[in-house]
Amino acid sequence: MQSTARQMIARQGREKQRYSATGARMVAGVVALSPDKRKILVISSSKGNRSKAVIPKGGYETDEASAQAAALREAWEEAGVEGRITRELGVIEDMRPAAVFSQMKNPSLGTGDWERGAGVHPKAEYHMFEMEVEMEAEVWPESSTRMRRWVTYREILKMMSSRPELLEAVKRSSVIKEE
């Protein structure tokens, strides 16, 4: 594990958000596994129903050198874990129905950010990585707003049935898939 000084304040906002050439929001995340690969770390959602579980992921920002760096930052901010990336799980498109957006000022397309309206239907691109957890902090940037817990493959299949893009990342991982 690489030892680094960690920020105790989570990034907020989308001022530095990266977008692909097609307008998709670029997201980076991890499937955080226990060393024996029998459990996956899930966190409570920060939006709406906090009883919903997700995996650590968030915006890949313009000041980050790589999607992998962004994924490790998100794992720290959202779940309070550090570890090492063991595999790249690829890019997964968010296939859920998108809200309708209009392109007003998307930086990657030339003029700014996305606002609700008519026109373009952007999707997110999830750049996902498998991470072996080596350290769990007692306090982390979002510890006051998120809970974390370890679950089995069978449990995560039920918990994230409404998030096919996140389940795809889990399925691509090397978690032990005892059903």
C-alpha atoms as a PDB file:
ATOM      1  CA  MET A   1       0.000   0.000   0.000  1.00  0.00           C
ATOM      2  CA  GLN A   2       1.256   3.422  -0.877  1.00  0.00           C
ATOM      3  CA  SER A   3       1.420   5.672   2.165  1.00  0.00           C
ATOM      4  CA  THR A   4       0.019   9.114   1.442  1.00  0.00           C
ATOM      5  CA  ALA A   5      -1.316  12.000   3.478  1.00  0.00           C
ATOM      6  CA  ARG A   6      -5.069  11.914   3.033  1.00  0.00           C
ATOM      7  CA  GLN A   7      -7.478  14.826   2.908  1.00  0.00           C
ATOM      8  CA  MET A   8     -10.240  14.742   5.501  1.00  0.00           C
ATOM      9  CA  ILE A   9     -12.593  16.849   3.377  1.00  0.00           C
ATOM     10  CA  ALA A  10     -14.407  15.227   0.446  1.00  0.00           C
ATOM     11  CA  ARG A  11     -14.481  17.042  -2.856  1.00  0.00           C
ATOM     12  CA  GLN A  12     -17.863  18.452  -3.819  1.00  0.00           C
ATOM     13  CA  GLY A  13     -19.367  19.932  -6.953  1.00  0.00           C
ATOM     14  CA  ARG A  14     -18.696  19.270 -10.593  1.00  0.00           C
ATOM     15  CA  GLU A  15     -16.508  22.228 -11.532  1.00  0.00           C
ATOM     16  CA  LYS A  16     -13.625  19.864 -12.368  1.00  0.00           C
ATOM     17  CA  GLN A  17     -15.774  17.038 -13.781  1.00  0.00           C
ATOM     18  CA  ARG A  18     -14.433  15.269 -16.867  1.00  0.00           C
ATOM     19  CA  TYR A  19     -16.714  14.447 -19.783  1.00  0.00           C
ATOM     20  CA  SER A  20     -15.973  12.150 -22.694  1.00  0.00           C
ATOM     21  CA  ALA A  21     -16.019  13.396 -26.291  1.00  0.00           C
ATOM     22  CA  THR A  22     -19.644  12.210 -26.518  1.00  0.00           C
ATOM     23  CA  GLY A  23     -20.717  14.146 -23.412  1.00  0.00           C
ATOM     24  CA  ALA A  24     -20.778  11.212 -20.991  1.00  0.00           C
ATOM     25  CA  ARG A  25     -19.836  12.024 -17.402  1.00  0.00           C
ATOM     26  CA  MET A  26     -16.648  10.146 -16.546  1.00  0.00           C
ATOM     27  CA  VAL A  27     -16.869   8.284 -13.238  1.00  0.00           C
ATOM     28  CA  ALA A  28     -14.157   6.240 -11.511  1.00  0.00           C
ATOM     29  CA  GLY A  29     -14.734   3.616  -8.840  1.00  0.00           C
ATOM     30  CA  VAL A  30     -13.628   0.467  -7.111  1.00  0.00           C
ATOM     31  CA  VAL A  31     -14.936  -2.955  -6.294  1.00  0.00           C
ATOM     32  CA  ALA A  32     -13.226  -3.145  -2.894  1.00  0.00           C
ATOM     33  CA  LEU A  33     -12.516  -6.739  -1.896  1.00  0.00           C
ATOM     34  CA  SER A  34     -11.449  -8.356   1.344  1.00  0.00           C
ATOM     35  CA  PRO A  35      -8.010 -10.023   1.137  1.00  0.00           C
ATOM     36  CA  ASP A  36      -9.646 -13.478   0.858  1.00  0.00           C
ATOM     37  CA  LYS A  37     -11.934 -12.174  -1.953  1.00  0.00           C
ATOM     38  CA  ARG A  38     -15.057 -13.473  -0.210  1.00  0.00           C
ATOM     39  CA  LYS A  39     -16.532 -10.051   0.633  1.00  0.00           C
ATOM     40  CA  ILE A  40     -17.174  -6.755  -1.141  1.00  0.00           C
ATOM     41  CA  LEU A  41     -17.304  -3.417   0.639  1.00  0.00           C
ATOM     42  CA  VAL A  42     -20.516  -1.471   0.096  1.00  0.00           C
ATOM     43  CA  ILE A  43     -21.439   1.978   1.317  1.00  0.00           C
ATOM     44  CA  SER A  44     -24.740   3.724   1.861  1.00  0.00           C
ATOM     45  CA  SER A  45     -25.877   6.014  -0.917  1.00  0.00           C
ATOM     46  CA  SER A  46     -25.422   9.733  -0.346  1.00  0.00           C
ATOM     47  CA  LYS A  47     -28.548  10.582  -2.310  1.00  0.00           C
ATOM     48  CA  GLY A  48     -32.180   9.909  -1.498  1.00  0.00           C
ATOM     49  CA  ASN A  49     -32.579   6.569   0.244  1.00  0.00           C
ATOM     50  CA  ARG A  50     -29.504   6.114   2.443  1.00  0.00           C
ATOM     51  CA  SER A  51     -30.498   2.482   3.022  1.00  0.00           C
ATOM     52  CA  LYS A  52     -29.513   1.766  -0.600  1.00  0.00           C
ATOM     53  CA  ALA A  53     -26.060   0.305  -1.049  1.00  0.00           C
ATOM     54  CA  VAL A  54     -23.537   1.310  -3.688  1.00  0.00           C
ATOM     55  CA  ILE A  55     -19.839   0.789  -4.263  1.00  0.00           C
ATOM     56  CA  PRO A  56     -17.342   3.653  -3.945  1.00  0.00           C
ATOM     57  CA  LYS A  57     -17.360   5.747  -7.113  1.00  0.00           C
ATOM     58  CA  GLY A  58     -17.547   9.327  -8.230  1.00  0.00           C
ATOM     59  CA  GLY A  59     -16.399  11.931 -10.692  1.00  0.00           C
ATOM     60  CA  TYR A  60     -13.068  11.578 -12.490  1.00  0.00           C
ATOM     61  CA  GLU A  61     -11.809  15.136 -12.289  1.00  0.00           C
ATOM     62  CA  THR A  62      -9.651  17.252 -14.576  1.00  0.00           C
ATOM     63  CA  ASP A  63      -6.841  17.643 -12.028  1.00  0.00           C
ATOM     64  CA  GLU A  64      -6.400  13.878 -11.601  1.00  0.00           C
ATOM     65  CA  ALA A  65      -3.669  12.091 -13.535  1.00  0.00           C
ATOM     66  CA  SER A  66      -5.689   8.940 -14.176  1.00  0.00           C
ATOM     67  CA  ALA A  67      -8.998   7.222 -13.617  1.00  0.00           C
ATOM     68  CA  GLN A  68      -7.169   4.887 -11.229  1.00  0.00           C
ATOM     69  CA  ALA A  69      -6.072   7.865  -9.083  1.00  0.00           C
ATOM     70  CA  ALA A  70      -9.666   9.137  -9.056  1.00  0.00           C
ATOM     71  CA  ALA A  71     -10.950   5.680  -8.043  1.00  0.00           C
ATOM     72  CA  LEU A  72      -8.522   5.477  -5.118  1.00  0.00           C
ATOM     73  CA  ARG A  73      -9.546   8.984  -4.003  1.00  0.00           C
ATOM     74  CA  GLU A  74     -13.230   8.013  -4.120  1.00  0.00           C
ATOM     75  CA  ALA A  75     -12.544   4.842  -2.095  1.00  0.00           C
ATOM     76  CA  TRP A  76     -10.918   6.998   0.586  1.00  0.00           C
ATOM     77  CA  GLU A  77     -13.514   9.792   0.608  1.00  0.00           C
ATOM     78  CA  GLU A  78     -16.638   7.635   0.490  1.00  0.00           C
ATOM     79  CA  ALA A  79     -15.582   4.438   2.287  1.00  0.00           C
ATOM     80  CA  GLY A  80     -12.477   5.334   4.292  1.00  0.00           C
ATOM     81  CA  VAL A  81     -10.401   2.540   2.810  1.00  0.00           C
ATOM     82  CA  GLU A  82      -6.955   2.354   1.301  1.00  0.00           C
ATOM     83  CA  GLY A  83      -5.446  -0.489  -0.633  1.00  0.00           C
ATOM     84  CA  ARG A  84      -3.978  -1.461  -3.943  1.00  0.00           C
ATOM     85  CA  ILE A  85      -5.540  -1.757  -7.354  1.00  0.00           C
ATOM     86  CA  THR A  86      -5.233  -5.380  -8.434  1.00  0.00           C
ATOM     87  CA  ARG A  87      -7.134  -5.291 -11.731  1.00  0.00           C
ATOM     88  CA  GLU A  88      -8.677  -2.920 -14.204  1.00  0.00           C
ATOM     89  CA  LEU A  89     -12.319  -3.903 -14.744  1.00  0.00           C
ATOM     90  CA  GLY A  90     -12.812  -1.761 -17.834  1.00  0.00           C
ATOM     91  CA  VAL A  91     -15.270   0.929 -18.817  1.00  0.00           C
ATOM     92  CA  ILE A  92     -18.968   0.257 -18.221  1.00  0.00           C
ATOM     93  CA  GLU A  93     -21.653   2.480 -19.696  1.00  0.00           C
ATOM     94  CA  ASP A  94     -24.553   3.499 -17.504  1.00  0.00           C
ATOM     95  CA  MET A  95     -27.516   1.992 -19.341  1.00  0.00           C
ATOM     96  CA  ARG A  96     -30.222   3.295 -16.982  1.00  0.00           C
ATOM     97  CA  PRO A  97     -32.709   5.678 -18.581  1.00  0.00           C
ATOM     98  CA  ALA A  98     -31.131   9.122 -18.593  1.00  0.00           C
ATOM     99  CA  ALA A  99     -32.831  12.382 -17.758  1.00  0.00           C
ATOM    100  CA  VAL A 100     -33.003  14.730 -20.690  1.00  0.00           C
ATOM    101  CA  PHE A 101     -30.244  17.307 -20.694  1.00  0.00           C
ATOM    102  CA  SER A 102     -29.206  20.114 -22.985  1.00  0.00           C
ATOM    103  CA  GLN A 103     -25.599  20.928 -23.657  1.00  0.00           C
ATOM    104  CA  MET A 104     -24.976  24.486 -22.619  1.00  0.00           C
ATOM    105  CA  LYS A 105     -21.441  24.669 -21.288  1.00  0.00           C
ATOM    106  CA  ASN A 106     -19.807  21.216 -21.418  1.00  0.00           C
ATOM    107  CA  PRO A 107     -16.034  21.894 -21.106  1.00  0.00           C
ATOM    108  CA  SER A 108     -15.054  18.861 -23.198  1.00  0.00           C
ATOM    109  CA  LEU A 109     -17.366  19.938 -26.015  1.00  0.00           C
ATOM    110  CA  GLY A 110     -16.418  23.562 -25.833  1.00  0.00           C
ATOM    111  CA  THR A 111     -18.781  25.652 -23.723  1.00  0.00           C
ATOM    112  CA  GLY A 112     -19.504  24.752 -20.056  1.00  0.00           C
ATOM    113  CA  ASP A 113     -21.740  22.352 -18.059  1.00  0.00           C
ATOM    114  CA  TRP A 114     -24.898  20.250 -18.453  1.00  0.00           C
ATOM    115  CA  GLU A 115     -28.275  21.677 -17.484  1.00  0.00           C
ATOM    116  CA  ARG A 116     -31.710  20.028 -17.512  1.00  0.00           C
ATOM    117  CA  GLY A 117     -33.652  20.705 -20.685  1.00  0.00           C
ATOM    118  CA  ALA A 118     -34.310  19.295 -24.129  1.00  0.00           C
ATOM    119  CA  GLY A 119     -31.769  17.739 -26.435  1.00  0.00           C
ATOM    120  CA  VAL A 120     -28.810  15.554 -25.581  1.00  0.00           C
ATOM    121  CA  HIS A 121     -29.017  12.383 -23.458  1.00  0.00           C
ATOM    122  CA  PRO A 122     -25.619  11.997 -21.770  1.00  0.00           C
ATOM    123  CA  LYS A 123     -24.669   8.755 -20.086  1.00  0.00           C
ATOM    124  CA  ALA A 124     -21.955   8.082 -17.552  1.00  0.00           C
ATOM    125  CA  GLU A 125     -18.869   6.026 -18.310  1.00  0.00           C
ATOM    126  CA  TYR A 126     -17.743   4.051 -15.250  1.00  0.00           C
ATOM    127  CA  HIS A 127     -13.984   3.405 -15.203  1.00  0.00           C
ATOM    128  CA  MET A 128     -13.844   0.586 -12.682  1.00  0.00           C
ATOM    129  CA  PHE A 129     -11.003  -1.095 -10.808  1.00  0.00           C
ATOM    130  CA  GLU A 130     -10.681  -3.994  -8.401  1.00  0.00           C
ATOM    131  CA  MET A 131      -9.027  -3.009  -5.138  1.00  0.00           C
ATOM    132  CA  GLU A 132      -7.736  -5.174  -2.328  1.00  0.00           C
ATOM    133  CA  VAL A 133      -8.466  -3.339   0.919  1.00  0.00           C
ATOM    134  CA  GLU A 134      -5.423  -3.028   3.174  1.00  0.00           C
ATOM    135  CA  MET A 135      -6.636  -0.406   5.665  1.00  0.00           C
ATOM    136  CA  GLU A 136     -10.021   0.736   7.024  1.00  0.00           C
ATOM    137  CA  ALA A 137     -10.030   4.072   8.825  1.00  0.00           C
ATOM    138  CA  GLU A 138     -12.300   4.734  11.784  1.00  0.00           C
ATOM    139  CA  VAL A 139     -12.923   8.275  10.556  1.00  0.00           C
ATOM    140  CA  TRP A 140     -12.886   9.389   6.920  1.00  0.00           C
ATOM    141  CA  PRO A 141     -14.188  12.377   4.931  1.00  0.00           C
ATOM    142  CA  GLU A 142     -17.754  11.065   4.546  1.00  0.00           C
ATOM    143  CA  SER A 143     -17.962   8.952   7.716  1.00  0.00           C
ATOM    144  CA  SER A 144     -20.658  11.197   9.171  1.00  0.00           C
ATOM    145  CA  THR A 145     -22.941  10.654   6.160  1.00  0.00           C
ATOM    146  CA  ARG A 146     -22.155   7.120   4.988  1.00  0.00           C
ATOM    147  CA  MET A 147     -22.132   3.675   6.513  1.00  0.00           C
ATOM    148  CA  ARG A 148     -20.015   0.850   5.161  1.00  0.00           C
ATOM    149  CA  ARG A 149     -20.259  -2.894   5.471  1.00  0.00           C
ATOM    150  CA  TRP A 150     -18.884  -6.078   3.981  1.00  0.00           C
ATOM    151  CA  VAL A 151     -21.258  -8.287   1.985  1.00  0.00           C
ATOM    152  CA  THR A 152     -21.083 -11.505  -0.008  1.00  0.00           C
ATOM    153  CA  TYR A 153     -21.588 -11.822  -3.750  1.00  0.00           C
ATOM    154  CA  ARG A 154     -25.069 -13.253  -3.188  1.00  0.00           C
ATOM    155  CA  GLU A 155     -26.022 -10.308  -0.963  1.00  0.00           C
ATOM    156  CA  ILE A 156     -24.765  -7.700  -3.413  1.00  0.00           C
ATOM    157  CA  LEU A 157     -26.778  -9.233  -6.262  1.00  0.00           C
ATOM    158  CA  LYS A 158     -29.945  -8.505  -4.280  1.00  0.00           C
ATOM    159  CA  MET A 159     -28.843  -5.116  -2.939  1.00  0.00           C
ATOM    160  CA  MET A 160     -27.918  -3.574  -6.270  1.00  0.00           C
ATOM    161  CA  SER A 161     -30.515  -5.020  -8.611  1.00  0.00           C
ATOM    162  CA  SER A 162     -31.451  -1.473  -9.704  1.00  0.00           C
ATOM    163  CA  ARG A 163     -27.837  -0.580 -10.544  1.00  0.00           C
ATOM    164  CA  PRO A 164     -26.810  -2.847 -13.444  1.00  0.00           C
ATOM    165  CA  GLU A 165     -23.685  -0.807 -14.203  1.00  0.00           C
ATOM    166  CA  LEU A 166     -22.365  -1.385 -10.667  1.00  0.00           C
ATOM    167  CA  LEU A 167     -23.339  -5.060 -10.711  1.00  0.00           C
ATOM    168  CA  GLU A 168     -21.446  -5.483 -13.971  1.00  0.00           C
ATOM    169  CA  ALA A 169     -18.281  -4.210 -12.266  1.00  0.00           C
ATOM    170  CA  VAL A 170     -18.813  -6.664  -9.394  1.00  0.00           C
ATOM    171  CA  LYS A 171     -19.358  -9.533 -11.852  1.00  0.00           C
ATOM    172  CA  ARG A 172     -16.106  -8.631 -13.637  1.00  0.00           C
ATOM    173  CA  SER A 173     -14.178  -8.719 -10.365  1.00  0.00           C
ATOM    174  CA  SER A 174     -12.486 -11.750  -8.865  1.00  0.00           C
ATOM    175  CA  VAL A 175     -14.788 -11.896  -5.825  1.00  0.00           C
ATOM    176  CA  ILE A 176     -15.654 -15.482  -4.961  1.00  0.00           C
ATOM    177  CA  LYS A 177     -19.060 -15.991  -6.563  1.00  0.00           C
ATOM    178  CA  GLU A 178     -20.592 -18.626  -4.344  1.00  0.00           C
ATOM    179  CA  GLU A 179     -24.306 -18.356  -5.005  1.00  0.00           C
END
